[in-house]
C-alpha atoms as a PDB file:
ATOM      1  CA  UNK A   1      51.743 318.152 356.325  1.00  0.00           C
ATOM      2  CA  UNK A   2      51.412 315.703 353.461  1.00  0.00           C
ATOM      3  CA  UNK A   3      54.565 313.825 354.533  1.00  0.00           C
ATOM      4  CA  UNK A   4      52.980 313.075 357.930  1.00  0.00           C
ATOM      5  CA  UNK A   5      49.859 311.831 356.191  1.00  0.00           C
ATOM      6  CA  UNK A   6      51.836 309.547 353.850  1.00  0.00           C
ATOM      7  CA  UNK A   7      53.855 308.259 356.811  1.00  0.00           C
ATOM      8  CA  UNK A   8      50.663 307.380 358.724  1.00  0.00           C
ATOM      9  CA  UNK A   9      49.242 305.702 355.616  1.00  0.00           C
ATOM     10  CA  UNK A  10      52.411 303.583 355.238  1.00  0.00           C
ATOM     11  CA  UNK A  11      52.291 302.593 358.940  1.00  0.00           C
ATOM     12  CA  UNK A  12      48.618 301.636 358.618  1.00  0.00           C
ATOM     13  CA  UNK A  13      49.357 299.522 355.531  1.00  0.00           C
ATOM     14  CA  UNK A  14      52.137 297.673 357.354  1.00  0.00           C
ATOM     15  CA  UNK A  15      49.910 297.021 360.394  1.00  0.00           C
ATOM     16  CA  UNK A  16      47.173 295.613 358.176  1.00  0.00           C
ATOM     17  CA  UNK A  17      49.612 293.101 356.683  1.00  0.00           C
ATOM     18  CA  UNK A  18      50.232 294.831 353.382  1.00  0.00           C
ATOM     19  CA  UNK A  19      53.600 294.957 351.673  1.00  0.00           C
ATOM     20  CA  UNK A  20      55.723 298.079 351.634  1.00  0.00           C
ATOM     21  CA  UNK A  21      56.289 299.623 348.234  1.00  0.00           C
ATOM     22  CA  UNK A  22      59.836 300.462 347.167  1.00  0.00           C
ATOM     23  CA  UNK A  23      60.301 302.933 344.356  1.00  0.00           C
ATOM     24  CA  UNK A  24      63.305 301.669 342.384  1.00  0.00           C
ATOM     25  CA  UNK A  25      63.159 304.144 339.497  1.00  0.00           C
ATOM     26  CA  UNK A  26      65.730 306.367 341.219  1.00  0.00           C
ATOM     27  CA  UNK A  27      68.053 303.403 341.759  1.00  0.00           C
ATOM     28  CA  UNK A  28      67.802 302.422 338.098  1.00  0.00           C
ATOM     29  CA  UNK A  29      68.707 305.982 337.087  1.00  0.00           C
ATOM     30  CA  UNK A  30      71.770 305.955 339.347  1.00  0.00           C
ATOM     31  CA  UNK A  31      72.937 302.599 337.988  1.00  0.00           C
ATOM     32  CA  UNK A  32      72.366 303.725 334.387  1.00  0.00           C
ATOM     33  CA  UNK A  33      74.538 306.797 334.961  1.00  0.00           C
ATOM     34  CA  UNK A  34      77.210 304.665 336.620  1.00  0.00           C
ATOM     35  CA  UNK A  35      77.273 302.181 333.716  1.00  0.00           C
ATOM     36  CA  UNK A  36      77.444 305.015 331.176  1.00  0.00           C
ATOM     37  CA  UNK A  37      80.338 306.644 333.066  1.00  0.00           C
ATOM     38  CA  UNK A  38      82.277 303.373 333.260  1.00  0.00           C
ATOM     39  CA  UNK A  39      81.757 302.641 329.546  1.00  0.00           C
ATOM     40  CA  UNK A  40      82.954 306.078 328.490  1.00  0.00           C
ATOM     41  CA  UNK A  41      86.067 305.897 330.660  1.00  0.00           C
ATOM     42  CA  UNK A  42      86.897 302.288 329.787  1.00  0.00           C
ATOM     43  CA  UNK A  43      86.730 302.900 326.035  1.00  0.00           C
ATOM     44  CA  UNK A  44      88.795 306.089 326.090  1.00  0.00           C
ATOM     45  CA  UNK A  45      92.215 305.297 324.529  1.00  0.00           C
ATOM     46  CA  UNK A  46      95.374 306.797 325.926  1.00  0.00           C
ATOM     47  CA  UNK A  47      96.359 309.943 324.057  1.00  0.00           C
ATOM     48  CA  UNK A  48      99.774 311.569 323.889  1.00  0.00           C
ATOM     49  CA  UNK A  49      99.771 315.197 325.015  1.00  0.00           C
ATOM     50  CA  UNK A  50     100.256 317.399 321.946  1.00  0.00           C
ATOM     51  CA  UNK A  51     101.253 321.060 322.316  1.00  0.00           C
ATOM     52  CA  UNK A  52      98.663 323.417 320.821  1.00  0.00           C
ATOM     53  CA  UNK A  53     101.162 324.976 318.400  1.00  0.00           C
ATOM     54  CA  UNK A  54     101.732 321.673 316.594  1.00  0.00           C
ATOM     55  CA  UNK A  55      99.586 320.476 313.712  1.00  0.00           C
ATOM     56  CA  UNK A  56     100.087 316.728 313.298  1.00  0.00           C
ATOM     57  CA  UNK A  57      99.953 314.704 310.110  1.00  0.00           C
ATOM     58  CA  UNK A  58      97.005 312.363 309.591  1.00  0.00           C
ATOM     59  CA  UNK A  59      97.206 308.601 309.346  1.00  0.00           C
ATOM     60  CA  UNK A  60      95.070 305.499 309.561  1.00  0.00           C
ATOM     61  CA  UNK A  61      96.966 304.333 312.643  1.00  0.00           C
ATOM     62  CA  UNK A  62      95.295 301.477 314.466  1.00  0.00           C
ATOM     63  CA  UNK A  63      97.639 300.871 317.418  1.00  0.00           C
ATOM     64  CA  UNK A  64      97.280 302.834 320.638  1.00  0.00           C
ATOM     65  CA  UNK A  65     100.365 304.819 321.690  1.00  0.00           C
ATOM     66  CA  UNK A  66     102.542 303.342 324.414  1.00  0.00           C
ATOM     67  CA  UNK A  67     103.876 305.526 327.243  1.00  0.00           C
ATOM     68  CA  UNK A  68     107.413 306.557 326.251  1.00  0.00           C
ATOM     69  CA  UNK A  69     109.679 309.571 326.281  1.00  0.00           C
ATOM     70  CA  UNK A  70     108.220 312.128 323.871  1.00  0.00           C
ATOM     71  CA  UNK A  71     110.005 314.724 321.779  1.00  0.00           C
ATOM     72  CA  UNK A  72     107.789 317.635 320.640  1.00  0.00           C
ATOM     73  CA  UNK A  73     109.227 319.529 317.663  1.00  0.00           C
ATOM     74  CA  UNK A  74     107.853 322.816 316.357  1.00  0.00           C
ATOM     75  CA  UNK A  75     109.446 325.299 313.991  1.00  0.00           C
ATOM     76  CA  UNK A  76     110.937 327.208 316.936  1.00  0.00           C
ATOM     77  CA  UNK A  77     111.695 324.713 319.696  1.00  0.00           C
ATOM     78  CA  UNK A  78     112.310 321.145 320.779  1.00  0.00           C
ATOM     79  CA  UNK A  79     110.926 319.776 324.043  1.00  0.00           C
ATOM     80  CA  UNK A  80     111.497 316.395 325.696  1.00  0.00           C
ATOM     81  CA  UNK A  81     108.587 315.419 327.944  1.00  0.00           C
ATOM     82  CA  UNK A  82     107.547 319.076 328.117  1.00  0.00           C
ATOM     83  CA  UNK A  83     111.017 320.305 329.138  1.00  0.00           C
ATOM     84  CA  UNK A  84     112.567 322.846 326.758  1.00  0.00           C
ATOM     85  CA  UNK A  85     115.745 321.467 325.183  1.00  0.00           C
ATOM     86  CA  UNK A  86     116.473 323.969 322.427  1.00  0.00           C
ATOM     87  CA  UNK A  87     114.848 327.103 321.112  1.00  0.00           C
ATOM     88  CA  UNK A  88     115.499 329.306 318.117  1.00  0.00           C
ATOM     89  CA  UNK A  89     113.715 332.602 317.899  1.00  0.00           C
ATOM     90  CA  UNK A  90     114.051 333.143 314.186  1.00  0.00           C
ATOM     91  CA  UNK A  91     113.250 329.940 312.468  1.00  0.00           C
ATOM     92  CA  UNK A  92     113.753 326.319 311.875  1.00  0.00           C
ATOM     93  CA  UNK A  93     115.208 323.938 314.381  1.00  0.00           C
ATOM     94  CA  UNK A  94     117.855 321.631 313.000  1.00  0.00           C
ATOM     95  CA  UNK A  95     121.021 323.638 313.432  1.00  0.00           C
ATOM     96  CA  UNK A  96     124.159 321.921 314.705  1.00  0.00           C
ATOM     97  CA  UNK A  97     123.801 323.516 318.158  1.00  0.00           C
ATOM     98  CA  UNK A  98     120.156 322.448 318.409  1.00  0.00           C
ATOM     99  CA  UNK A  99     120.922 318.832 317.473  1.00  0.00           C
ATOM    100  CA  UNK A 100     123.874 318.812 319.902  1.00  0.00           C
ATOM    101  CA  UNK A 101     121.560 320.010 322.717  1.00  0.00           C
ATOM    102  CA  UNK A 102     119.013 317.344 321.724  1.00  0.00           C
ATOM    103  CA  UNK A 103     121.645 314.591 321.828  1.00  0.00           C
ATOM    104  CA  UNK A 104     122.766 315.732 325.284  1.00  0.00           C
ATOM    105  CA  UNK A 105     119.168 315.714 326.564  1.00  0.00           C
ATOM    106  CA  UNK A 106     118.536 312.264 325.049  1.00  0.00           C
ATOM    107  CA  UNK A 107     121.723 310.972 326.666  1.00  0.00           C
ATOM    108  CA  UNK A 108     120.637 312.403 330.036  1.00  0.00           C
ATOM    109  CA  UNK A 109     117.197 310.765 329.667  1.00  0.00           C
ATOM    110  CA  UNK A 110     118.845 307.422 328.848  1.00  0.00           C
ATOM    111  CA  UNK A 111     121.207 307.682 331.817  1.00  0.00           C
ATOM    112  CA  UNK A 112     118.318 308.614 334.121  1.00  0.00           C
ATOM    113  CA  UNK A 113     116.516 305.466 332.976  1.00  0.00           C
ATOM    114  CA  UNK A 114     113.349 307.250 331.881  1.00  0.00           C
ATOM    115  CA  UNK A 115     112.886 304.713 329.093  1.00  0.00           C
ATOM    116  CA  UNK A 116     114.386 301.337 329.987  1.00  0.00           C
ATOM    117  CA  UNK A 117     113.238 299.825 326.673  1.00  0.00           C
ATOM    118  CA  UNK A 118     114.846 302.723 324.770  1.00  0.00           C
ATOM    119  CA  UNK A 119     111.556 303.715 323.140  1.00  0.00           C
ATOM    120  CA  UNK A 120     110.782 307.264 322.082  1.00  0.00           C
ATOM    121  CA  UNK A 121     107.848 309.058 320.419  1.00  0.00           C
ATOM    122  CA  UNK A 122     108.354 312.044 318.137  1.00  0.00           C
ATOM    123  CA  UNK A 123     105.513 314.575 317.980  1.00  0.00           C
ATOM    124  CA  UNK A 124     106.394 316.864 315.082  1.00  0.00           C
ATOM    125  CA  UNK A 125     104.544 319.623 313.291  1.00  0.00           C
ATOM    126  CA  UNK A 126     103.523 318.431 309.831  1.00  0.00           C
ATOM    127  CA  UNK A 127     104.915 321.636 308.299  1.00  0.00           C
ATOM    128  CA  UNK A 128     108.394 320.731 309.548  1.00  0.00           C
ATOM    129  CA  UNK A 129     110.799 319.839 306.712  1.00  0.00           C
ATOM    130  CA  UNK A 130     111.724 316.177 306.537  1.00  0.00           C
ATOM    131  CA  UNK A 131     115.453 316.969 306.791  1.00  0.00           C
ATOM    132  CA  UNK A 132     114.896 318.322 310.335  1.00  0.00           C
ATOM    133  CA  UNK A 133     112.868 315.263 311.284  1.00  0.00           C
ATOM    134  CA  UNK A 134     115.604 313.073 309.828  1.00  0.00           C
ATOM    135  CA  UNK A 135     118.237 314.846 311.963  1.00  0.00           C
ATOM    136  CA  UNK A 136     116.144 314.286 315.106  1.00  0.00           C
ATOM    137  CA  UNK A 137     115.641 310.614 314.254  1.00  0.00           C
ATOM    138  CA  UNK A 138     119.372 310.284 313.620  1.00  0.00           C
ATOM    139  CA  UNK A 139     120.107 311.816 317.028  1.00  0.00           C
ATOM    140  CA  UNK A 140     117.756 309.262 318.609  1.00  0.00           C
ATOM    141  CA  UNK A 141     119.534 306.424 316.807  1.00  0.00           C
ATOM    142  CA  UNK A 142     122.943 307.771 317.894  1.00  0.00           C
ATOM    143  CA  UNK A 143     121.767 307.615 321.520  1.00  0.00           C
ATOM    144  CA  UNK A 144     120.716 303.960 321.056  1.00  0.00           C
ATOM    145  CA  UNK A 145     116.945 304.505 321.019  1.00  0.00           C
ATOM    146  CA  UNK A 146     115.886 301.384 319.127  1.00  0.00           C
ATOM    147  CA  UNK A 147     112.149 302.063 318.775  1.00  0.00           C
ATOM    148  CA  UNK A 148     111.215 305.470 317.351  1.00  0.00           C
ATOM    149  CA  UNK A 149     107.505 306.225 316.821  1.00  0.00           C
ATOM    150  CA  UNK A 150     105.930 309.187 315.049  1.00  0.00           C
ATOM    151  CA  UNK A 151     102.730 310.654 316.504  1.00  0.00           C
ATOM    152  CA  UNK A 152      99.906 311.322 314.047  1.00  0.00           C
ATOM    153  CA  UNK A 153      96.238 312.233 314.151  1.00  0.00           C
ATOM    154  CA  UNK A 154      93.962 309.318 313.333  1.00  0.00           C
ATOM    155  CA  UNK A 155      91.886 310.046 310.261  1.00  0.00           C
ATOM    156  CA  UNK A 156      88.687 308.185 309.481  1.00  0.00           C
ATOM    157  CA  UNK A 157      89.178 305.018 307.450  1.00  0.00           C
ATOM    158  CA  UNK A 158      88.222 305.415 303.798  1.00  0.00           C
ATOM    159  CA  UNK A 159      88.584 309.197 303.829  1.00  0.00           C
ATOM    160  CA  UNK A 160      89.948 309.043 300.278  1.00  0.00           C
ATOM    161  CA  UNK A 161      92.786 311.484 300.943  1.00  0.00           C
END
């Protein structure tokens, strides 16, 4: 009932030469939400996918990661771009068979042209012994990957640790 009355009032105002009133508060709200959404998505840096079982080391890294082939290393398995390469049920990766399987997978990735610039990112658990990480890096170098990056968690600057 009230909508008919307001419609008649608006028609009468227009007939009498008055200006129509446009409520722009709703439009401002929509544009504010749109601007907020665009700002949040534009400022979001690209993040490498990290398996939940890995705990990464912290660093004051300032460069955003580039999209490359990624090797995820935990105490029990090695994955290249999410695909299982080697797994050991009872302990540390780094055995001769594991490194041989890693080299074969890296060679296959290079032949398939997944990384034309021969760049690779290693996402390793921080509890992993350095000797295992060194073996993986050596396997990458043997397969002619020239740029090897290590993934870390960005810690706040001036943390003191």
